[in-house]
Amino acid sequence: MTETPPPYGDQPQQPQQPQNPYGAQPPYGGPPAQPGYGYGGYAPVDHPQATTVLVLGIVSLVVCGLAGPFAWIMGNRVVREIDASGGRWGGRSTANIGRILGIIASVLLGLVVLFFVGIFIFAIAVGTTTSP
């Protein structure tokens, strides 16, 4: 006896697999999914003082140059702590920008101080050489 094939259009039913609402995932024991930003959706929290360093750097450059050395020193410490945290802290670029702005403001402050010291020394030299 030979089995007759099903008529045209009638296909044998295949059991359907339930659709995964979370997208395609590898089966157990398969390779893990590729991590995105951070690992497994984890984004490190910014260092609590990273924004403070950035604000100090901006203030030192725009308003008050005396804040420059504070932004520079604090920025060095915060960047060092972020690097040593092993990925627990973020905000390295924010702290680094504030640190660089602090360096620029400190250099400009130093140049201004040197300029005024030079003017002061020049005024003393000119004042002592002329007699009334």
C-alpha atoms as a PDB file:
ATOM      1  CA  MET A   1       0.000   0.000   0.000  1.00  0.00           C
ATOM      2  CA  THR A   2       1.199   3.352  -0.964  1.00  0.00           C
ATOM      3  CA  GLU A   3       0.318   6.485   0.861  1.00  0.00           C
ATOM      4  CA  THR A   4      -1.180   9.129  -1.255  1.00  0.00           C
ATOM      5  CA  PRO A   5       0.215  12.607  -0.884  1.00  0.00           C
ATOM      6  CA  PRO A   6      -2.121  15.230   0.508  1.00  0.00           C
ATOM      7  CA  PRO A   7      -3.984  17.206  -2.117  1.00  0.00           C
ATOM      8  CA  TYR A   8      -2.478  20.415  -3.452  1.00  0.00           C
ATOM      9  CA  GLY A   9      -2.621  23.283  -0.920  1.00  0.00           C
ATOM     10  CA  ASP A  10      -2.970  21.008   2.083  1.00  0.00           C
ATOM     11  CA  GLN A  11       0.353  20.899   3.804  1.00  0.00           C
ATOM     12  CA  PRO A  12       1.008  18.861   6.889  1.00  0.00           C
ATOM     13  CA  GLN A  13       0.803  21.062   9.951  1.00  0.00           C
ATOM     14  CA  GLN A  14       4.073  21.856  11.685  1.00  0.00           C
ATOM     15  CA  PRO A  15       3.923  22.618  15.381  1.00  0.00           C
ATOM     16  CA  GLN A  16       4.530  26.356  15.782  1.00  0.00           C
ATOM     17  CA  GLN A  17       7.053  27.670  18.236  1.00  0.00           C
ATOM     18  CA  PRO A  18       5.790  30.462  20.500  1.00  0.00           C
ATOM     19  CA  GLN A  19       7.229  33.852  19.581  1.00  0.00           C
ATOM     20  CA  ASN A  20       9.664  35.381  22.059  1.00  0.00           C
ATOM     21  CA  PRO A  21       8.462  38.912  22.951  1.00  0.00           C
ATOM     22  CA  TYR A  22      12.048  39.908  23.848  1.00  0.00           C
ATOM     23  CA  GLY A  23      13.536  39.298  20.433  1.00  0.00           C
ATOM     24  CA  ALA A  24      15.875  36.541  19.376  1.00  0.00           C
ATOM     25  CA  GLN A  25      17.979  35.201  22.208  1.00  0.00           C
ATOM     26  CA  PRO A  26      20.615  32.520  22.058  1.00  0.00           C
ATOM     27  CA  PRO A  27      19.636  29.137  23.469  1.00  0.00           C
ATOM     28  CA  TYR A  28      21.016  28.033  26.812  1.00  0.00           C
ATOM     29  CA  GLY A  29      24.676  27.215  26.484  1.00  0.00           C
ATOM     30  CA  GLY A  30      25.005  29.407  23.385  1.00  0.00           C
ATOM     31  CA  PRO A  31      27.196  32.482  23.104  1.00  0.00           C
ATOM     32  CA  PRO A  32      26.084  35.420  25.246  1.00  0.00           C
ATOM     33  CA  ALA A  33      24.471  38.431  23.650  1.00  0.00           C
ATOM     34  CA  GLN A  34      26.841  41.240  22.745  1.00  0.00           C
ATOM     35  CA  PRO A  35      26.886  43.978  25.397  1.00  0.00           C
ATOM     36  CA  GLY A  36      25.816  47.482  24.448  1.00  0.00           C
ATOM     37  CA  TYR A  37      26.902  50.665  26.196  1.00  0.00           C
ATOM     38  CA  GLY A  38      28.139  49.567  29.578  1.00  0.00           C
ATOM     39  CA  TYR A  39      27.705  45.871  30.213  1.00  0.00           C
ATOM     40  CA  GLY A  40      24.258  44.373  30.024  1.00  0.00           C
ATOM     41  CA  GLY A  41      22.572  47.762  29.842  1.00  0.00           C
ATOM     42  CA  TYR A  42      24.536  49.040  32.833  1.00  0.00           C
ATOM     43  CA  ALA A  43      25.734  52.602  32.442  1.00  0.00           C
ATOM     44  CA  PRO A  44      28.148  53.759  35.145  1.00  0.00           C
ATOM     45  CA  VAL A  45      27.021  56.612  37.339  1.00  0.00           C
ATOM     46  CA  ASP A  46      28.976  59.841  36.964  1.00  0.00           C
ATOM     47  CA  HIS A  47      31.435  60.706  39.702  1.00  0.00           C
ATOM     48  CA  PRO A  48      29.712  63.040  42.179  1.00  0.00           C
ATOM     49  CA  GLN A  49      32.282  65.797  41.603  1.00  0.00           C
ATOM     50  CA  ALA A  50      32.697  65.539  37.818  1.00  0.00           C
ATOM     51  CA  THR A  51      30.109  68.230  37.141  1.00  0.00           C
ATOM     52  CA  THR A  52      31.553  70.402  39.923  1.00  0.00           C
ATOM     53  CA  VAL A  53      34.957  70.319  38.224  1.00  0.00           C
ATOM     54  CA  LEU A  54      33.373  71.285  34.902  1.00  0.00           C
ATOM     55  CA  VAL A  55      31.491  74.205  36.477  1.00  0.00           C
ATOM     56  CA  LEU A  56      34.651  75.374  38.266  1.00  0.00           C
ATOM     57  CA  GLY A  57      36.573  75.200  34.988  1.00  0.00           C
ATOM     58  CA  ILE A  58      33.965  77.255  33.138  1.00  0.00           C
ATOM     59  CA  VAL A  59      33.703  79.800  35.960  1.00  0.00           C
ATOM     60  CA  SER A  60      37.488  80.115  36.131  1.00  0.00           C
ATOM     61  CA  LEU A  61      37.730  80.846  32.424  1.00  0.00           C
ATOM     62  CA  VAL A  62      34.731  83.171  32.119  1.00  0.00           C
ATOM     63  CA  VAL A  63      34.273  84.932  35.461  1.00  0.00           C
ATOM     64  CA  CYS A  64      37.035  84.449  38.009  1.00  0.00           C
ATOM     65  CA  GLY A  65      40.465  83.118  37.124  1.00  0.00           C
ATOM     66  CA  LEU A  66      41.202  82.357  40.788  1.00  0.00           C
ATOM     67  CA  ALA A  67      38.984  79.256  40.500  1.00  0.00           C
ATOM     68  CA  GLY A  68      41.345  77.828  37.845  1.00  0.00           C
ATOM     69  CA  PRO A  69      43.847  76.164  40.179  1.00  0.00           C
ATOM     70  CA  PHE A  70      40.981  74.631  42.178  1.00  0.00           C
ATOM     71  CA  ALA A  71      39.438  73.172  39.008  1.00  0.00           C
ATOM     72  CA  TRP A  72      42.853  71.879  37.932  1.00  0.00           C
ATOM     73  CA  ILE A  73      43.687  70.187  41.244  1.00  0.00           C
ATOM     74  CA  MET A  74      40.180  68.846  41.809  1.00  0.00           C
ATOM     75  CA  GLY A  75      40.002  67.638  38.192  1.00  0.00           C
ATOM     76  CA  ASN A  76      43.256  65.704  38.572  1.00  0.00           C
ATOM     77  CA  ARG A  77      41.906  63.966  41.676  1.00  0.00           C
ATOM     78  CA  VAL A  78      38.493  63.153  40.146  1.00  0.00           C
ATOM     79  CA  VAL A  79      39.991  61.792  36.902  1.00  0.00           C
ATOM     80  CA  ARG A  80      42.400  59.657  38.950  1.00  0.00           C
ATOM     81  CA  GLU A  81      39.504  58.292  41.063  1.00  0.00           C
ATOM     82  CA  ILE A  82      37.440  57.511  37.948  1.00  0.00           C
ATOM     83  CA  ASP A  83      40.359  55.659  36.364  1.00  0.00           C
ATOM     84  CA  ALA A  84      40.954  53.668  39.562  1.00  0.00           C
ATOM     85  CA  SER A  85      37.268  52.727  39.980  1.00  0.00           C
ATOM     86  CA  GLY A  86      37.368  50.035  37.301  1.00  0.00           C
ATOM     87  CA  GLY A  87      34.268  51.279  35.487  1.00  0.00           C
ATOM     88  CA  ARG A  88      32.144  51.944  38.555  1.00  0.00           C
ATOM     89  CA  TRP A  89      32.311  55.723  38.058  1.00  0.00           C
ATOM     90  CA  GLY A  90      31.659  57.565  34.809  1.00  0.00           C
ATOM     91  CA  GLY A  91      32.003  61.219  33.865  1.00  0.00           C
ATOM     92  CA  ARG A  92      35.674  61.108  32.956  1.00  0.00           C
ATOM     93  CA  SER A  93      35.232  63.370  29.934  1.00  0.00           C
ATOM     94  CA  THR A  94      33.248  65.909  31.976  1.00  0.00           C
ATOM     95  CA  ALA A  95      35.932  66.030  34.665  1.00  0.00           C
ATOM     96  CA  ASN A  96      38.705  66.128  32.072  1.00  0.00           C
ATOM     97  CA  ILE A  97      37.146  69.101  30.260  1.00  0.00           C
ATOM     98  CA  GLY A  98      36.823  70.971  33.569  1.00  0.00           C
ATOM     99  CA  ARG A  99      40.425  70.118  34.409  1.00  0.00           C
ATOM    100  CA  ILE A 100      41.675  71.403  31.044  1.00  0.00           C
ATOM    101  CA  LEU A 101      39.662  74.616  31.429  1.00  0.00           C
ATOM    102  CA  GLY A 102      41.225  75.002  34.882  1.00  0.00           C
ATOM    103  CA  ILE A 103      44.706  74.562  33.404  1.00  0.00           C
ATOM    104  CA  ILE A 104      44.011  77.199  30.737  1.00  0.00           C
ATOM    105  CA  ALA A 105      42.589  79.624  33.318  1.00  0.00           C
ATOM    106  CA  SER A 106      45.572  79.040  35.632  1.00  0.00           C
ATOM    107  CA  VAL A 107      48.050  79.741  32.845  1.00  0.00           C
ATOM    108  CA  LEU A 108      46.166  82.906  31.879  1.00  0.00           C
ATOM    109  CA  LEU A 109      46.060  83.966  35.537  1.00  0.00           C
ATOM    110  CA  GLY A 110      49.805  83.416  35.803  1.00  0.00           C
ATOM    111  CA  LEU A 111      50.425  85.505  32.683  1.00  0.00           C
ATOM    112  CA  VAL A 112      48.261  88.336  34.049  1.00  0.00           C
ATOM    113  CA  VAL A 113      50.094  88.256  37.387  1.00  0.00           C
ATOM    114  CA  LEU A 114      53.459  88.320  35.594  1.00  0.00           C
ATOM    115  CA  PHE A 115      52.279  91.223  33.448  1.00  0.00           C
ATOM    116  CA  PHE A 116      51.262  93.292  36.477  1.00  0.00           C
ATOM    117  CA  VAL A 117      54.451  92.408  38.366  1.00  0.00           C
ATOM    118  CA  GLY A 118      56.419  93.505  35.301  1.00  0.00           C
ATOM    119  CA  ILE A 119      54.531  96.796  35.140  1.00  0.00           C
ATOM    120  CA  PHE A 120      55.103  97.336  38.871  1.00  0.00           C
ATOM    121  CA  ILE A 121      58.849  96.666  38.562  1.00  0.00           C
ATOM    122  CA  PHE A 122      59.047  98.923  35.495  1.00  0.00           C
ATOM    123  CA  ALA A 123      57.223 101.721  37.345  1.00  0.00           C
ATOM    124  CA  ILE A 124      59.608 101.421  40.311  1.00  0.00           C
ATOM    125  CA  ALA A 125      62.633 101.426  37.981  1.00  0.00           C
ATOM    126  CA  VAL A 126      61.419 104.493  36.091  1.00  0.00           C
ATOM    127  CA  GLY A 127      60.449 106.287  39.309  1.00  0.00           C
ATOM    128  CA  THR A 128      63.874 105.848  40.911  1.00  0.00           C
ATOM    129  CA  THR A 129      65.906 106.971  37.905  1.00  0.00           C
ATOM    130  CA  THR A 130      64.153 110.287  37.320  1.00  0.00           C
ATOM    131  CA  SER A 131      64.920 113.155  39.702  1.00  0.00           C
ATOM    132  CA  PRO A 132      62.837 116.281  40.064  1.00  0.00           C
END
